[in-house]
Amino acid sequence: MSELQVNDRLLAWSADELGVEGRVLDVVRAPATVLSSQGGSVDPTAPETVQLAADLVATMRVSPGCVGLAAPQVGVGVRVFCVDVSEHPKTRGHHGTFVLCNAEVVESSRNEKAREGCMSVPDFTGDVKRATRLVVRGQLPGTGEEVTLNAEAFEARALQHEIDHCDGLLFIDRAAGAHAIHARKTYL
């Protein structure tokens, strides 16, 4: 895997580029069918995709402790998500706030187990093994510009968690078994 570098285009990205006001949407909870269904690809330049991107960012920003949110979590079965781990204490390197459409993992390495939670599964956390270094490719909403980013540690985990949502998977699907699922002790 190449040396970790920050993608300057992603680091400079802002929801203001979308040119629409984001709306705060309701987050759906398991066992909602949309959370276990494969999300469809989107046209990143379509007005409904741009609006969805703005809505995801707006919803993430008003949700305490939230570091990412995928379209299926707001009831829309498509491959769009936002991430912002910049304020989380576990973060090392990051790309700030960004939205990706049709994202895929193109390279990963160094698996590590860590605890995860999710707004769509609010009563539990789980121990999930994920890659700690990752290369992801996706498209920016609005322009459709293809971007590739290297992520590590907590940002890599957040990206994998959101891509899983787009694939119809929850963190509890990735946990090693019932012993790796825990009742949430702290609610944000």
N, C-alpha and C. Protein backbone atom coordinates (compact mmCIF):
# COMPACT_ATOMS: atom_id res chain seq x y z
N MET A 1 0.86 -1.18 0.00
CA MET A 1 0.00 0.00 0.00
C MET A 1 0.90 1.23 0.00
N SER A 2 0.50 2.25 -0.72
CA SER A 2 1.30 3.46 -0.81
C SER A 2 1.32 4.23 0.51
N GLU A 3 2.29 5.13 0.64
CA GLU A 3 2.40 5.97 1.84
C GLU A 3 1.12 6.79 2.01
N LEU A 4 0.64 6.90 3.25
CA LEU A 4 -0.60 7.62 3.50
C LEU A 4 -0.45 9.09 3.15
N GLN A 5 -1.33 9.55 2.28
CA GLN A 5 -1.35 10.95 1.88
C GLN A 5 -2.78 11.45 1.98
N VAL A 6 -2.94 12.70 2.34
CA VAL A 6 -4.27 13.30 2.40
C VAL A 6 -4.64 13.77 0.99
N ASN A 7 -5.86 13.46 0.58
CA ASN A 7 -6.36 13.94 -0.71
C ASN A 7 -6.80 15.39 -0.52
N ASP A 8 -6.05 16.34 -1.11
CA ASP A 8 -6.32 17.77 -0.90
C ASP A 8 -7.70 18.17 -1.41
N ARG A 9 -8.18 17.53 -2.47
CA ARG A 9 -9.51 17.87 -3.00
C ARG A 9 -10.59 17.53 -1.98
N LEU A 10 -10.47 16.36 -1.35
CA LEU A 10 -11.45 15.98 -0.33
C LEU A 10 -11.32 16.87 0.89
N LEU A 11 -10.10 17.15 1.30
CA LEU A 11 -9.89 18.00 2.48
C LEU A 11 -10.49 19.38 2.29
N ALA A 12 -10.49 19.88 1.05
CA ALA A 12 -11.03 21.21 0.76
C ALA A 12 -12.54 21.18 0.49
N TRP A 13 -13.12 19.98 0.33
CA TRP A 13 -14.54 19.87 -0.02
C TRP A 13 -15.41 20.44 1.10
N SER A 14 -16.51 21.05 0.71
CA SER A 14 -17.46 21.59 1.68
C SER A 14 -18.88 21.34 1.17
N ALA A 15 -19.80 21.15 2.08
CA ALA A 15 -21.21 20.97 1.71
C ALA A 15 -21.74 22.21 0.99
N ASP A 16 -21.09 23.35 1.17
CA ASP A 16 -21.50 24.57 0.45
C ASP A 16 -21.40 24.40 -1.06
N GLU A 17 -20.48 23.53 -1.51
CA GLU A 17 -20.33 23.27 -2.94
C GLU A 17 -21.61 22.70 -3.56
N LEU A 18 -22.44 22.07 -2.74
CA LEU A 18 -23.65 21.43 -3.25
C LEU A 18 -24.69 22.45 -3.70
N GLY A 19 -24.65 23.65 -3.12
CA GLY A 19 -25.55 24.72 -3.53
C GLY A 19 -27.00 24.53 -3.11
N VAL A 20 -27.27 23.61 -2.21
CA VAL A 20 -28.62 23.41 -1.68
C VAL A 20 -28.55 23.31 -0.17
N GLU A 21 -29.63 23.66 0.47
CA GLU A 21 -29.72 23.59 1.93
C GLU A 21 -30.04 22.16 2.35
N GLY A 22 -29.27 21.63 3.28
CA GLY A 22 -29.54 20.29 3.78
C GLY A 22 -30.68 20.29 4.79
N ARG A 23 -31.47 19.24 4.74
CA ARG A 23 -32.58 19.06 5.68
C ARG A 23 -32.20 17.95 6.65
N VAL A 24 -32.63 18.07 7.91
CA VAL A 24 -32.38 17.03 8.90
C VAL A 24 -33.46 15.96 8.72
N LEU A 25 -33.00 14.74 8.47
CA LEU A 25 -33.91 13.62 8.23
C LEU A 25 -33.95 12.68 9.43
N ASP A 26 -35.00 11.88 9.50
CA ASP A 26 -35.10 10.86 10.55
C ASP A 26 -34.20 9.69 10.20
N VAL A 27 -33.53 9.14 11.21
CA VAL A 27 -32.67 7.97 11.03
C VAL A 27 -33.50 6.72 11.30
N VAL A 28 -33.48 5.78 10.35
CA VAL A 28 -34.22 4.53 10.52
C VAL A 28 -33.40 3.56 11.35
N ARG A 29 -34.10 2.66 12.01
CA ARG A 29 -33.44 1.69 12.89
C ARG A 29 -33.67 0.27 12.41
N ALA A 30 -32.72 -0.59 12.73
CA ALA A 30 -32.88 -2.02 12.45
C ALA A 30 -34.12 -2.50 13.20
N PRO A 31 -34.92 -3.35 12.59
CA PRO A 31 -34.67 -4.16 11.41
C PRO A 31 -35.27 -3.60 10.10
N ALA A 32 -35.29 -2.31 9.90
CA ALA A 32 -35.84 -1.74 8.66
C ALA A 32 -35.21 -2.42 7.44
N THR A 33 -36.03 -2.80 6.49
CA THR A 33 -35.58 -3.54 5.31
C THR A 33 -34.49 -2.81 4.53
N VAL A 34 -34.59 -1.48 4.45
CA VAL A 34 -33.60 -0.71 3.69
C VAL A 34 -32.18 -0.90 4.23
N LEU A 35 -32.06 -1.22 5.51
CA LEU A 35 -30.75 -1.41 6.13
C LEU A 35 -30.11 -2.75 5.78
N SER A 36 -30.91 -3.68 5.27
CA SER A 36 -30.37 -4.99 4.91
C SER A 36 -30.44 -5.24 3.41
N SER A 37 -30.61 -4.18 2.63
CA SER A 37 -30.71 -4.30 1.18
C SER A 37 -29.52 -3.62 0.51
N GLN A 38 -29.04 -4.22 -0.56
CA GLN A 38 -27.93 -3.64 -1.34
C GLN A 38 -28.40 -2.30 -1.93
N GLY A 39 -27.62 -1.24 -1.73
CA GLY A 39 -27.97 0.06 -2.27
C GLY A 39 -27.64 0.14 -3.76
N GLY A 40 -28.43 0.90 -4.49
CA GLY A 40 -28.20 1.08 -5.91
C GLY A 40 -27.20 2.19 -6.18
N SER A 41 -26.55 2.10 -7.33
CA SER A 41 -25.64 3.17 -7.76
C SER A 41 -26.44 4.42 -8.10
N VAL A 42 -25.80 5.57 -8.02
CA VAL A 42 -26.47 6.84 -8.30
C VAL A 42 -25.72 7.63 -9.36
N ASP A 43 -26.41 8.57 -9.95
CA ASP A 43 -25.79 9.59 -10.79
C ASP A 43 -25.41 10.71 -9.83
N PRO A 44 -24.11 10.91 -9.57
CA PRO A 44 -23.72 11.91 -8.58
C PRO A 44 -24.08 13.34 -8.96
N THR A 45 -24.41 13.58 -10.21
CA THR A 45 -24.77 14.93 -10.64
C THR A 45 -26.28 15.18 -10.61
N ALA A 46 -27.08 14.14 -10.37
CA ALA A 46 -28.54 14.29 -10.36
C ALA A 46 -28.97 15.17 -9.18
N PRO A 47 -29.96 16.04 -9.40
CA PRO A 47 -30.42 16.93 -8.32
C PRO A 47 -30.82 16.18 -7.05
N GLU A 48 -31.45 15.01 -7.17
CA GLU A 48 -31.87 14.27 -5.98
C GLU A 48 -30.66 13.72 -5.21
N THR A 49 -29.57 13.40 -5.91
CA THR A 49 -28.35 12.94 -5.24
C THR A 49 -27.69 14.10 -4.50
N VAL A 50 -27.65 15.25 -5.14
CA VAL A 50 -27.06 16.44 -4.52
C VAL A 50 -27.84 16.82 -3.26
N GLN A 51 -29.17 16.78 -3.34
CA GLN A 51 -30.00 17.09 -2.17
C GLN A 51 -29.77 16.07 -1.07
N LEU A 52 -29.72 14.79 -1.43
CA LEU A 52 -29.46 13.74 -0.45
C LEU A 52 -28.12 13.96 0.24
N ALA A 53 -27.10 14.31 -0.51
CA ALA A 53 -25.77 14.56 0.06
C ALA A 53 -25.85 15.68 1.10
N ALA A 54 -26.53 16.77 0.77
CA ALA A 54 -26.70 17.89 1.70
C ALA A 54 -27.49 17.45 2.94
N ASP A 55 -28.51 16.63 2.74
CA ASP A 55 -29.33 16.14 3.86
C ASP A 55 -28.52 15.24 4.79
N LEU A 56 -27.68 14.39 4.22
CA LEU A 56 -26.84 13.51 5.04
C LEU A 56 -25.90 14.32 5.93
N VAL A 57 -25.26 15.33 5.36
CA VAL A 57 -24.35 16.17 6.14
C VAL A 57 -25.11 16.90 7.24
N ALA A 58 -26.27 17.48 6.90
CA ALA A 58 -27.06 18.21 7.89
C ALA A 58 -27.50 17.29 9.03
N THR A 59 -27.91 16.09 8.70
CA THR A 59 -28.37 15.14 9.71
C THR A 59 -27.21 14.68 10.58
N MET A 60 -26.06 14.40 9.96
CA MET A 60 -24.87 13.99 10.73
C MET A 60 -24.47 15.10 11.71
N ARG A 61 -24.51 16.34 11.27
CA ARG A 61 -24.04 17.46 12.10
C ARG A 61 -24.88 17.69 13.35
N VAL A 62 -26.17 17.33 13.30
CA VAL A 62 -27.02 17.55 14.49
C VAL A 62 -27.11 16.31 15.37
N SER A 63 -26.40 15.25 14.99
CA SER A 63 -26.45 13.99 15.73
C SER A 63 -25.19 13.84 16.58
N PRO A 64 -25.30 13.98 17.90
CA PRO A 64 -24.12 13.93 18.78
C PRO A 64 -23.33 12.64 18.60
N GLY A 65 -22.02 12.78 18.46
CA GLY A 65 -21.14 11.63 18.35
C GLY A 65 -21.13 10.96 16.99
N CYS A 66 -21.94 11.42 16.06
CA CYS A 66 -22.03 10.79 14.74
C CYS A 66 -20.82 11.18 13.89
N VAL A 67 -20.15 10.17 13.31
CA VAL A 67 -18.98 10.41 12.47
C VAL A 67 -19.22 9.98 11.03
N GLY A 68 -20.41 9.51 10.73
CA GLY A 68 -20.74 9.10 9.37
C GLY A 68 -22.21 8.72 9.29
N LEU A 69 -22.76 8.85 8.08
CA LEU A 69 -24.17 8.53 7.88
C LEU A 69 -24.36 8.13 6.42
N ALA A 70 -25.01 7.00 6.22
CA ALA A 70 -25.24 6.50 4.86
C ALA A 70 -26.70 6.65 4.47
N ALA A 71 -26.94 6.78 3.17
CA ALA A 71 -28.30 6.96 2.65
C ALA A 71 -29.29 5.92 3.17
N PRO A 72 -28.93 4.63 3.24
CA PRO A 72 -29.91 3.68 3.78
C PRO A 72 -30.37 4.00 5.20
N GLN A 73 -29.53 4.69 5.97
CA GLN A 73 -29.90 5.04 7.34
C GLN A 73 -30.98 6.12 7.41
N VAL A 74 -31.20 6.82 6.30
CA VAL A 74 -32.30 7.78 6.25
C VAL A 74 -33.39 7.28 5.31
N GLY A 75 -33.37 5.96 5.05
CA GLY A 75 -34.45 5.32 4.30
C GLY A 75 -34.30 5.35 2.79
N VAL A 76 -33.13 5.71 2.28
CA VAL A 76 -32.92 5.80 0.84
C VAL A 76 -31.90 4.73 0.43
N GLY A 77 -32.31 3.76 -0.35
CA GLY A 77 -31.48 2.61 -0.69
C GLY A 77 -30.51 2.86 -1.84
N VAL A 78 -29.58 3.78 -1.65
CA VAL A 78 -28.56 4.08 -2.66
C VAL A 78 -27.18 4.17 -2.02
N ARG A 79 -26.16 4.21 -2.88
CA ARG A 79 -24.76 4.18 -2.44
C ARG A 79 -24.21 5.60 -2.27
N VAL A 80 -24.64 6.28 -1.22
CA VAL A 80 -24.16 7.63 -0.89
C VAL A 80 -23.98 7.68 0.62
N PHE A 81 -22.87 8.28 1.06
CA PHE A 81 -22.66 8.45 2.49
C PHE A 81 -21.78 9.66 2.75
N CYS A 82 -21.84 10.15 3.99
CA CYS A 82 -20.94 11.22 4.43
C CYS A 82 -20.13 10.71 5.61
N VAL A 83 -18.95 11.31 5.78
CA VAL A 83 -18.06 10.98 6.89
C VAL A 83 -17.41 12.26 7.38
N ASP A 84 -17.24 12.37 8.69
CA ASP A 84 -16.43 13.43 9.29
C ASP A 84 -15.97 12.94 10.66
N VAL A 85 -14.73 12.49 10.74
CA VAL A 85 -14.17 12.00 12.01
C VAL A 85 -13.29 13.04 12.68
N SER A 86 -13.26 14.26 12.14
CA SER A 86 -12.29 15.27 12.58
C SER A 86 -12.39 15.63 14.06
N GLU A 87 -13.56 15.51 14.67
CA GLU A 87 -13.72 15.88 16.08
C GLU A 87 -13.65 14.69 17.03
N HIS A 88 -13.48 13.49 16.50
CA HIS A 88 -13.49 12.30 17.36
C HIS A 88 -12.13 12.10 18.02
N PRO A 89 -12.11 11.77 19.30
CA PRO A 89 -10.83 11.64 20.01
C PRO A 89 -9.92 10.52 19.49
N LYS A 90 -10.46 9.51 18.81
CA LYS A 90 -9.64 8.42 18.29
C LYS A 90 -9.00 8.75 16.94
N THR A 91 -9.32 9.91 16.38
CA THR A 91 -8.84 10.26 15.04
C THR A 91 -7.38 10.65 15.04
N ARG A 92 -6.67 10.12 14.04
CA ARG A 92 -5.31 10.56 13.77
C ARG A 92 -5.36 11.45 12.52
N GLY A 93 -5.26 10.86 11.35
CA GLY A 93 -5.39 11.63 10.12
C GLY A 93 -6.83 11.61 9.64
N HIS A 94 -7.23 12.66 8.91
CA HIS A 94 -8.60 12.69 8.40
C HIS A 94 -8.70 13.64 7.21
N HIS A 95 -9.84 13.57 6.52
CA HIS A 95 -10.13 14.41 5.35
C HIS A 95 -11.25 15.40 5.63
N GLY A 96 -11.60 15.63 6.89
CA GLY A 96 -12.67 16.57 7.20
C GLY A 96 -14.02 15.99 6.84
N THR A 97 -14.97 16.85 6.51
CA THR A 97 -16.31 16.42 6.11
C THR A 97 -16.32 16.19 4.61
N PHE A 98 -16.87 15.05 4.19
CA PHE A 98 -17.03 14.81 2.75
C PHE A 98 -18.14 13.81 2.51
N VAL A 99 -18.63 13.80 1.28
CA VAL A 99 -19.66 12.86 0.84
C VAL A 99 -19.11 12.11 -0.37
N LEU A 100 -19.33 10.81 -0.40
CA LEU A 100 -18.94 10.01 -1.55
C LEU A 100 -20.15 9.27 -2.10
N CYS A 101 -20.18 9.15 -3.42
CA CYS A 101 -21.20 8.38 -4.13
C CYS A 101 -20.53 7.17 -4.77
N ASN A 102 -21.22 6.04 -4.78
CA ASN A 102 -20.75 4.83 -5.46
C ASN A 102 -19.35 4.41 -5.02
N ALA A 103 -19.05 4.57 -3.75
CA ALA A 103 -17.70 4.30 -3.24
C ALA A 103 -17.42 2.81 -3.15
N GLU A 104 -16.15 2.47 -3.32
CA GLU A 104 -15.71 1.09 -3.18
C GLU A 104 -14.31 1.06 -2.59
N VAL A 105 -14.05 0.00 -1.84
CA VAL A 105 -12.71 -0.23 -1.31
C VAL A 105 -11.88 -0.87 -2.42
N VAL A 106 -10.73 -0.27 -2.72
CA VAL A 106 -9.87 -0.82 -3.76
C VAL A 106 -8.62 -1.49 -3.20
N GLU A 107 -8.31 -1.20 -1.94
CA GLU A 107 -7.15 -1.83 -1.30
C GLU A 107 -7.33 -1.71 0.21
N SER A 108 -6.91 -2.74 0.93
CA SER A 108 -7.00 -2.68 2.40
C SER A 108 -5.93 -3.57 3.01
N SER A 109 -5.55 -3.23 4.25
CA SER A 109 -4.56 -4.04 4.96
C SER A 109 -4.63 -3.80 6.46
N ARG A 110 -3.91 -4.63 7.20
CA ARG A 110 -3.74 -4.53 8.65
C ARG A 110 -5.06 -4.56 9.42
N ASN A 111 -5.67 -5.70 9.51
CA ASN A 111 -6.93 -5.82 10.24
C ASN A 111 -6.74 -5.67 11.75
N GLU A 112 -7.72 -5.04 12.38
CA GLU A 112 -7.69 -4.81 13.82
C GLU A 112 -9.13 -4.80 14.34
N LYS A 113 -9.32 -5.37 15.54
CA LYS A 113 -10.65 -5.40 16.14
C LYS A 113 -10.83 -4.15 17.01
N ALA A 114 -12.02 -3.54 16.92
CA ALA A 114 -12.34 -2.38 17.77
C ALA A 114 -13.85 -2.30 17.93
N ARG A 115 -14.29 -1.51 18.90
CA ARG A 115 -15.71 -1.35 19.22
C ARG A 115 -16.35 -0.34 18.28
N GLU A 116 -17.56 -0.67 17.80
CA GLU A 116 -18.33 0.24 16.94
C GLU A 116 -19.74 0.38 17.47
N GLY A 117 -20.35 1.50 17.13
CA GLY A 117 -21.76 1.74 17.40
C GLY A 117 -22.40 2.32 16.15
N CYS A 118 -23.71 2.48 16.20
CA CYS A 118 -24.43 2.94 15.01
C CYS A 118 -25.76 3.55 15.42
N MET A 119 -26.11 4.66 14.78
CA MET A 119 -27.39 5.30 15.08
C MET A 119 -28.58 4.42 14.71
N SER A 120 -28.39 3.50 13.78
CA SER A 120 -29.48 2.61 13.37
C SER A 120 -29.60 1.38 14.26
N VAL A 121 -28.63 1.19 15.15
CA VAL A 121 -28.65 0.11 16.14
C VAL A 121 -28.27 0.75 17.48
N PRO A 122 -29.16 1.62 18.01
CA PRO A 122 -28.77 2.48 19.13
C PRO A 122 -28.55 1.78 20.47
N ASP A 123 -29.04 0.57 20.65
CA ASP A 123 -28.95 -0.09 21.96
C ASP A 123 -27.72 -0.96 22.14
N PHE A 124 -26.91 -1.10 21.06
CA PHE A 124 -25.78 -2.02 21.13
C PHE A 124 -24.52 -1.42 20.53
N THR A 125 -23.38 -1.97 20.96
CA THR A 125 -22.10 -1.75 20.30
C THR A 125 -21.54 -3.13 20.00
N GLY A 126 -20.51 -3.18 19.17
CA GLY A 126 -19.95 -4.48 18.84
C GLY A 126 -18.48 -4.41 18.51
N ASP A 127 -17.79 -5.53 18.75
CA ASP A 127 -16.38 -5.65 18.40
C ASP A 127 -16.29 -6.15 16.97
N VAL A 128 -15.69 -5.33 16.09
CA VAL A 128 -15.65 -5.64 14.67
C VAL A 128 -14.22 -5.54 14.17
N LYS A 129 -13.79 -6.54 13.41
CA LYS A 129 -12.46 -6.54 12.81
C LYS A 129 -12.55 -5.84 11.46
N ARG A 130 -11.70 -4.82 11.28
CA ARG A 130 -11.68 -4.05 10.03
C ARG A 130 -10.24 -3.69 9.68
N ALA A 131 -10.04 -3.36 8.41
CA ALA A 131 -8.74 -2.90 7.95
C ALA A 131 -8.41 -1.55 8.58
N THR A 132 -7.13 -1.36 8.95
CA THR A 132 -6.71 -0.08 9.53
C THR A 132 -6.10 0.85 8.49
N ARG A 133 -5.81 0.32 7.31
CA ARG A 133 -5.35 1.15 6.18
C ARG A 133 -6.20 0.77 4.98
N LEU A 134 -6.59 1.80 4.24
CA LEU A 134 -7.61 1.60 3.21
C LEU A 134 -7.40 2.57 2.06
N VAL A 135 -7.70 2.10 0.86
CA VAL A 135 -7.81 2.99 -0.30
C VAL A 135 -9.24 2.87 -0.80
N VAL A 136 -9.92 4.00 -0.91
CA VAL A 136 -11.32 4.04 -1.34
C VAL A 136 -11.42 4.95 -2.56
N ARG A 137 -12.25 4.52 -3.51
CA ARG A 137 -12.53 5.33 -4.70
C ARG A 137 -14.03 5.60 -4.74
N GLY A 138 -14.39 6.83 -5.07
CA GLY A 138 -15.80 7.20 -5.18
C GLY A 138 -15.92 8.48 -5.99
N GLN A 139 -17.14 8.99 -6.05
CA GLN A 139 -17.42 10.21 -6.81
C GLN A 139 -18.00 11.27 -5.88
N LEU A 140 -17.65 12.52 -6.15
CA LEU A 140 -18.20 13.63 -5.38
C LEU A 140 -19.58 13.99 -5.89
N PRO A 141 -20.51 14.26 -4.99
CA PRO A 141 -21.84 14.68 -5.42
C PRO A 141 -21.77 16.07 -6.05
N GLY A 142 -22.60 16.28 -7.03
CA GLY A 142 -22.62 17.58 -7.72
C GLY A 142 -21.78 17.57 -8.97
N THR A 143 -20.48 17.29 -8.82
CA THR A 143 -19.59 17.31 -9.98
C THR A 143 -19.41 15.94 -10.63
N GLY A 144 -19.56 14.89 -9.84
CA GLY A 144 -19.30 13.54 -10.34
C GLY A 144 -17.82 13.22 -10.43
N GLU A 145 -16.98 14.16 -9.98
CA GLU A 145 -15.53 13.99 -10.03
C GLU A 145 -15.12 12.74 -9.26
N GLU A 146 -14.30 11.88 -9.89
CA GLU A 146 -13.81 10.69 -9.21
C GLU A 146 -12.64 11.05 -8.31
N VAL A 147 -12.68 10.56 -7.08
CA VAL A 147 -11.60 10.80 -6.12
C VAL A 147 -11.17 9.47 -5.52
N THR A 148 -9.91 9.41 -5.17
CA THR A 148 -9.35 8.27 -4.46
C THR A 148 -8.71 8.79 -3.19
N LEU A 149 -8.97 8.12 -2.07
CA LEU A 149 -8.36 8.57 -0.83
C LEU A 149 -7.75 7.41 -0.09
N ASN A 150 -6.66 7.71 0.58
CA ASN A 150 -6.03 6.79 1.52
C ASN A 150 -6.54 7.19 2.90
N ALA A 151 -6.97 6.20 3.67
CA ALA A 151 -7.44 6.47 5.02
C ALA A 151 -6.78 5.46 5.95
N GLU A 152 -6.66 5.86 7.21
CA GLU A 152 -6.08 4.95 8.19
C GLU A 152 -6.86 5.05 9.49
N ALA A 153 -6.65 4.05 10.32
CA ALA A 153 -7.16 4.02 11.68
C ALA A 153 -8.65 4.31 11.76
N PHE A 154 -9.05 5.31 12.53
CA PHE A 154 -10.47 5.55 12.79
C PHE A 154 -11.22 5.99 11.53
N GLU A 155 -10.60 6.81 10.68
CA GLU A 155 -11.29 7.21 9.45
C GLU A 155 -11.50 6.01 8.54
N ALA A 156 -10.53 5.10 8.47
CA ALA A 156 -10.69 3.88 7.67
C ALA A 156 -11.85 3.04 8.21
N ARG A 157 -11.95 2.94 9.51
CA ARG A 157 -13.06 2.18 10.12
C ARG A 157 -14.40 2.83 9.78
N ALA A 158 -14.49 4.14 9.89
CA ALA A 158 -15.74 4.84 9.57
C ALA A 158 -16.14 4.63 8.11
N LEU A 159 -15.18 4.71 7.21
CA LEU A 159 -15.47 4.49 5.79
C LEU A 159 -16.00 3.08 5.55
N GLN A 160 -15.38 2.08 6.14
CA GLN A 160 -15.84 0.70 5.96
C GLN A 160 -17.24 0.51 6.53
N HIS A 161 -17.52 1.14 7.67
CA HIS A 161 -18.84 1.06 8.30
C HIS A 161 -19.90 1.64 7.36
N GLU A 162 -19.62 2.80 6.74
CA GLU A 162 -20.60 3.43 5.85
C GLU A 162 -20.74 2.67 4.53
N ILE A 163 -19.64 2.17 3.99
CA ILE A 163 -19.72 1.36 2.77
C ILE A 163 -20.54 0.10 3.05
N ASP A 164 -20.36 -0.49 4.23
CA ASP A 164 -21.19 -1.64 4.61
C ASP A 164 -22.67 -1.28 4.58
N HIS A 165 -23.05 -0.11 5.12
CA HIS A 165 -24.45 0.30 5.06
C HIS A 165 -24.95 0.30 3.62
N CYS A 166 -24.14 0.80 2.70
CA CYS A 166 -24.53 0.84 1.29
C CYS A 166 -24.65 -0.57 0.70
N ASP A 167 -23.98 -1.53 1.32
CA ASP A 167 -24.04 -2.93 0.87
C ASP A 167 -25.10 -3.74 1.63
N GLY A 168 -25.86 -3.08 2.51
CA GLY A 168 -26.90 -3.77 3.26
C GLY A 168 -26.40 -4.51 4.48
N LEU A 169 -25.26 -4.09 5.02
CA LEU A 169 -24.69 -4.73 6.20
C LEU A 169 -24.62 -3.77 7.38
N LEU A 170 -24.88 -4.28 8.57
CA LEU A 170 -24.72 -3.53 9.81
C LEU A 170 -23.50 -4.07 10.55
N PHE A 171 -22.98 -3.29 11.49
CA PHE A 171 -21.81 -3.76 12.24
C PHE A 171 -22.09 -5.07 12.95
N ILE A 172 -23.33 -5.29 13.37
CA ILE A 172 -23.67 -6.54 14.06
C ILE A 172 -23.54 -7.74 13.12
N ASP A 173 -23.64 -7.52 11.81
CA ASP A 173 -23.41 -8.59 10.84
C ASP A 173 -21.94 -8.96 10.74
N ARG A 174 -21.06 -8.05 11.12
CA ARG A 174 -19.61 -8.26 11.04
C ARG A 174 -19.00 -8.73 12.36
N ALA A 175 -19.75 -8.62 13.45
CA ALA A 175 -19.23 -9.03 14.75
C ALA A 175 -18.97 -10.54 14.76
N ALA A 176 -18.02 -10.97 15.57
CA ALA A 176 -17.58 -12.36 15.60
C ALA A 176 -18.61 -13.32 16.19
N GLY A 177 -19.67 -12.81 16.73
CA GLY A 177 -20.70 -13.65 17.34
C GLY A 177 -21.38 -12.89 18.46
N ALA A 178 -22.32 -13.56 19.12
CA ALA A 178 -23.10 -12.91 20.18
C ALA A 178 -22.21 -12.36 21.29
N HIS A 179 -21.10 -13.03 21.58
CA HIS A 179 -20.18 -12.57 22.63
C HIS A 179 -19.51 -11.23 22.27
N ALA A 180 -19.56 -10.84 21.00
CA ALA A 180 -18.92 -9.59 20.55
C ALA A 180 -19.92 -8.44 20.47
N ILE A 181 -21.17 -8.67 20.86
CA ILE A 181 -22.20 -7.63 20.88
C ILE A 181 -22.43 -7.23 22.33
N HIS A 182 -22.47 -5.92 22.59
CA HIS A 182 -22.58 -5.43 23.96
C HIS A 182 -23.71 -4.40 24.07
N ALA A 183 -24.40 -4.41 25.21
CA ALA A 183 -25.41 -3.38 25.48
C ALA A 183 -24.69 -2.04 25.57
N ARG A 184 -25.25 -1.02 24.92
CA ARG A 184 -24.65 0.31 24.97
C ARG A 184 -24.77 0.85 26.37
N LYS A 185 -23.67 1.34 26.92
CA LYS A 185 -23.66 1.86 28.27
C LYS A 185 -23.82 3.38 28.30
N THR A 186 -23.41 4.04 27.22
CA THR A 186 -23.48 5.49 27.17
C THR A 186 -24.24 5.91 25.93
N TYR A 187 -25.21 6.76 26.10
CA TYR A 187 -25.96 7.30 24.97
C TYR A 187 -25.52 8.74 24.74
N LEU A 188 -25.17 9.05 23.53
CA LEU A 188 -24.71 10.41 23.21
C LEU A 188 -25.88 11.32 22.98
